Protein backbone atom coordinates (compact mmCIF):
# COMPACT_ATOMS: atom_id res chain seq x y z
CA UNK A 1 65.21 -33.85 5.44
CA UNK A 2 64.76 -30.97 2.74
CA UNK A 3 62.86 -33.77 0.94
CA UNK A 4 60.24 -33.77 3.47
CA UNK A 5 60.19 -30.15 4.01
CA UNK A 6 59.29 -29.87 0.47
CA UNK A 7 56.43 -32.51 0.86
CA UNK A 8 55.23 -31.03 3.94
CA UNK A 9 55.17 -27.51 2.15
CA UNK A 10 53.37 -29.28 -1.19
CA UNK A 11 50.65 -30.63 1.27
CA UNK A 12 50.17 -27.33 2.84
CA UNK A 13 49.62 -25.79 -0.68
CA UNK A 14 47.38 -28.38 -1.24
CA UNK A 15 45.29 -27.80 1.89
CA UNK A 16 45.31 -24.25 1.33
CA UNK A 17 44.09 -24.60 -2.11
CA UNK A 18 41.49 -26.77 -1.48
CA UNK A 19 40.14 -24.69 1.58
CA UNK A 20 40.28 -21.59 -1.09
CA UNK A 21 38.22 -24.05 -3.70
CA UNK A 22 35.43 -24.67 -0.89
CA UNK A 23 35.12 -21.15 0.24
CA UNK A 24 34.91 -20.12 -3.47
CA UNK A 25 32.08 -22.67 -4.54
CA UNK A 26 30.50 -21.64 -0.79
CA UNK A 27 30.41 -17.81 -2.05
CA UNK A 28 28.97 -18.66 -5.48
CA UNK A 29 26.38 -21.15 -3.57
CA UNK A 30 25.36 -18.41 -1.37
CA UNK A 31 24.98 -15.80 -3.71
CA UNK A 32 24.08 -17.50 -7.05
CA UNK A 33 20.56 -16.01 -7.20
CA UNK A 34 21.68 -12.63 -6.40
CA UNK A 35 24.54 -13.25 -9.44
CA UNK A 36 21.20 -14.60 -11.65
CA UNK A 37 19.23 -11.63 -11.17
CA UNK A 38 22.15 -9.12 -11.20
CA UNK A 39 23.51 -10.31 -15.01
CA UNK A 40 19.47 -10.33 -15.91
CA UNK A 41 19.44 -6.67 -14.59
CA UNK A 42 22.20 -5.68 -16.64
CA UNK A 43 21.62 -7.07 -19.63
CA UNK A 44 17.94 -5.13 -19.50
CA UNK A 45 19.51 -1.87 -18.88
CA UNK A 46 21.65 -2.25 -21.83
CA UNK A 47 19.23 -3.78 -24.10
CA UNK A 48 16.70 -0.68 -22.96
CA UNK A 49 19.35 2.04 -24.59
CA UNK A 50 17.91 1.70 -27.40
CA UNK A 51 14.02 2.01 -28.11
CA UNK A 52 11.68 3.72 -30.24
CA UNK A 53 10.25 6.95 -29.01
CA UNK A 54 6.93 7.16 -27.17
CA UNK A 55 3.87 8.04 -28.36
CA UNK A 56 1.93 7.75 -25.38
CA UNK A 57 2.56 7.31 -21.67
CA UNK A 58 0.78 6.03 -18.51
CA UNK A 59 0.87 9.12 -16.01
CA UNK A 60 3.19 8.69 -13.02
CA UNK A 61 0.25 7.42 -10.84
CA UNK A 62 -0.56 4.73 -12.88
CA UNK A 63 3.12 3.69 -13.07
CA UNK A 64 3.28 3.63 -9.09
CA UNK A 65 0.53 1.21 -9.02
CA UNK A 66 2.71 -1.42 -10.40
CA UNK A 67 6.11 -0.49 -9.77
CA UNK A 68 5.70 0.18 -6.01
CA UNK A 69 4.27 -3.53 -5.55
CA UNK A 70 6.95 -4.56 -7.42
CA UNK A 71 9.61 -3.28 -5.52
CA UNK A 72 7.98 -4.46 -2.18
CA UNK A 73 7.75 -8.21 -3.89
CA UNK A 74 11.75 -8.03 -4.64
CA UNK A 75 12.40 -6.60 -0.69
CA UNK A 76 10.25 -9.34 0.56
CA UNK A 77 12.66 -12.07 -1.29
CA UNK A 78 15.71 -10.00 -1.31
CA UNK A 79 16.17 -8.77 2.83
CA UNK A 80 17.73 -11.23 4.61
CA UNK A 81 15.21 -11.04 7.67
CA UNK A 82 11.84 -9.43 8.11
CA UNK A 83 11.17 -7.68 11.47
CA UNK A 84 10.27 -10.08 14.13
CA UNK A 85 10.75 -13.07 11.55
CA UNK A 86 7.79 -11.89 9.99
CA UNK A 87 6.74 -14.61 7.64
CA UNK A 88 10.30 -16.34 7.49
CA UNK A 89 9.23 -19.76 8.43
CA UNK A 90 9.66 -22.64 6.53
CA UNK A 91 7.41 -24.05 3.91
CA UNK A 92 9.17 -26.94 2.72
CA UNK A 93 11.67 -29.08 4.69
CA UNK A 94 14.67 -27.02 3.74
CA UNK A 95 17.21 -29.00 1.59
CA UNK A 96 19.40 -28.57 -1.18
CA UNK A 97 16.92 -30.24 -3.98
CA UNK A 98 14.75 -27.56 -3.11
CA UNK A 99 17.50 -24.88 -3.52
CA UNK A 100 18.46 -25.85 -6.86
CA UNK A 101 14.81 -26.64 -8.27
CA UNK A 102 14.35 -23.13 -7.27
CA UNK A 103 17.73 -22.39 -9.20
CA UNK A 104 16.46 -24.06 -12.54
CA UNK A 105 13.31 -22.24 -12.40
CA UNK A 106 14.86 -18.66 -12.18
CA UNK A 107 17.12 -19.62 -14.89
CA UNK A 108 14.05 -20.81 -16.93
CA UNK A 109 12.11 -18.10 -16.25
CA UNK A 110 15.01 -15.33 -17.10
CA UNK A 111 16.02 -16.81 -20.07
CA UNK A 112 12.29 -16.74 -21.35
CA UNK A 113 11.82 -12.87 -20.35
CA UNK A 114 15.33 -12.28 -22.36
CA UNK A 115 14.00 -14.67 -25.50
CA UNK A 116 11.02 -12.39 -25.15
CA UNK A 117 13.00 -9.25 -25.08
CA UNK A 118 14.86 -10.23 -28.14
CA UNK A 119 11.56 -10.49 -30.55
CA UNK A 120 10.20 -7.45 -28.78
CA UNK A 121 12.99 -5.46 -29.74
CA UNK A 122 12.77 -1.45 -30.13
CA UNK A 123 9.02 -1.53 -29.11
CA UNK A 124 10.04 -2.69 -25.28
CA UNK A 125 9.39 0.00 -22.80
CA UNK A 126 9.61 -0.57 -18.80
CA UNK A 127 6.09 1.49 -18.44
CA UNK A 128 3.07 1.43 -20.21
CA UNK A 129 3.74 2.96 -23.46
CA UNK A 130 2.63 2.86 -27.20
CA UNK A 131 5.85 3.58 -29.61
CA UNK A 132 6.11 5.60 -32.57
CA UNK A 133 5.45 2.90 -35.49
CA UNK A 134 4.76 0.46 -32.56
CA UNK A 135 4.49 -3.14 -33.53
CA UNK A 136 2.21 -5.99 -32.77
CA UNK A 137 4.92 -8.80 -32.13
CA UNK A 138 3.53 -12.32 -32.50
CA UNK A 139 6.84 -14.27 -33.10
CA UNK A 140 9.05 -16.20 -30.73
CA UNK A 141 7.60 -16.94 -27.31
CA UNK A 142 4.76 -14.23 -28.20
CA UNK A 143 3.27 -17.13 -30.35
CA UNK A 144 2.62 -19.00 -26.67
CA UNK A 145 1.66 -16.26 -24.62
CA UNK A 146 0.75 -12.60 -24.73
CA UNK A 147 3.19 -11.42 -21.88
CA UNK A 148 5.99 -13.61 -22.09
CA UNK A 149 8.44 -11.09 -20.22
CA UNK A 150 5.70 -11.30 -17.56
CA UNK A 151 5.89 -14.98 -17.76
CA UNK A 152 9.28 -15.13 -17.32
CA UNK A 153 9.62 -12.60 -14.44
CA UNK A 154 6.96 -14.47 -12.55
CA UNK A 155 8.46 -17.60 -13.16
CA UNK A 156 11.99 -15.89 -11.92
CA UNK A 157 9.75 -14.77 -8.63
CA UNK A 158 8.54 -18.53 -8.20
CA UNK A 159 12.25 -19.96 -8.44
CA UNK A 160 13.32 -17.42 -6.09
CA UNK A 161 10.59 -18.17 -3.65
CA UNK A 162 11.27 -22.22 -3.96
CA UNK A 163 15.04 -21.44 -3.33
CA UNK A 164 14.41 -19.08 -0.13
CA UNK A 165 11.68 -21.52 1.15
CA UNK A 166 10.01 -18.97 3.71
CA UNK A 167 6.48 -17.71 3.74
CA UNK A 168 7.21 -14.59 2.73
CA UNK A 169 8.43 -15.78 -0.87
CA UNK A 170 4.99 -16.78 -1.78
CA UNK A 171 3.65 -13.30 -0.72
CA UNK A 172 6.12 -11.68 -2.98
CA UNK A 173 4.74 -14.08 -5.75
CA UNK A 174 1.06 -12.98 -5.12
CA UNK A 175 2.16 -9.36 -5.21
CA UNK A 176 4.20 -9.44 -8.38
CA UNK A 177 1.37 -11.39 -10.09
CA UNK A 178 -1.21 -8.71 -9.16
CA UNK A 179 1.17 -5.95 -10.03
CA UNK A 180 1.93 -7.34 -13.69
CA UNK A 181 -1.66 -8.57 -14.12
CA UNK A 182 -3.22 -4.79 -13.45
CA UNK A 183 -0.41 -3.91 -15.79
CA UNK A 184 -0.80 -6.07 -18.61
CA UNK A 185 -4.64 -5.09 -18.31
CA UNK A 186 -4.04 -1.49 -18.97
CA UNK A 187 -1.41 -2.48 -21.96
CA UNK A 188 -3.69 -4.69 -23.88
CA UNK A 189 -6.46 -2.09 -23.58
CA UNK A 190 -4.31 0.43 -25.52
CA UNK A 191 -2.99 -2.29 -27.58
CA UNK A 192 -6.78 -2.92 -28.68
CA UNK A 193 -7.18 0.53 -29.32
CA UNK A 194 -4.22 0.83 -31.09
CA UNK A 195 -4.40 -2.48 -33.55
CA UNK A 196 -8.15 -2.94 -33.20
CA UNK A 197 -9.22 -6.35 -34.36
CA UNK A 198 -6.05 -7.68 -35.04
CA UNK A 199 -5.43 -7.43 -31.71
CA UNK A 200 -8.51 -8.91 -30.37
CA UNK A 201 -7.74 -11.99 -32.76
CA UNK A 202 -4.54 -12.61 -31.16
CA UNK A 203 -5.71 -11.90 -27.82
CA UNK A 204 -8.54 -14.80 -28.67
CA UNK A 205 -6.06 -17.06 -29.82
CA UNK A 206 -3.10 -17.12 -27.42
CA UNK A 207 -3.33 -16.94 -23.53
CA UNK A 208 -2.09 -14.17 -21.58
CA UNK A 209 0.63 -15.47 -19.20
CA UNK A 210 0.20 -19.46 -19.11
CA UNK A 211 0.05 -21.37 -22.34
CA UNK A 212 -3.71 -22.52 -22.89
CA UNK A 213 -4.64 -21.77 -19.23
CA UNK A 214 -4.61 -18.22 -18.57
């Protein structure tokens, strides 16, 4: 009798462990994209603590011209639902395969941006600036594209849109692209003024966002 009770108790414990494992995996699955972006944001904040002092900064109005659209794009992707279900229809038949493609694209994009951030070093800034002893970085991912951080961010947005699989995700990608394109145009105008022919030659040789294309 005692042996049966022990066996029954062991079975219940195994069932409980199995249930908890399923719940844990489900929680990770449902929040994986949020976790990836959160890890990236934490790294970005920590990496931005030791940068060179700025000698020239864009105005607050210019800053708003790309920050506000990026916030709108992020909200389009992050909010569980838009009022009235606006743009929440499916783009593709929702499958786990589509979801995991999106996750892989997010990982690739965020990793690419981190690689670029490492090479940019203390020259990095979240806004358009010129730094003291500013350097023109052409190593690592900067050999492939002139703005690899933006390439990585756009891949992150694209991956999130694929995984979410709703029309608003692709609207968010378009808004993010427009905001980053505006920002990089201003940055490159300043870099041309700062580095002259050196930057012009680099610009003529290396694509902006997509290797050999754009």
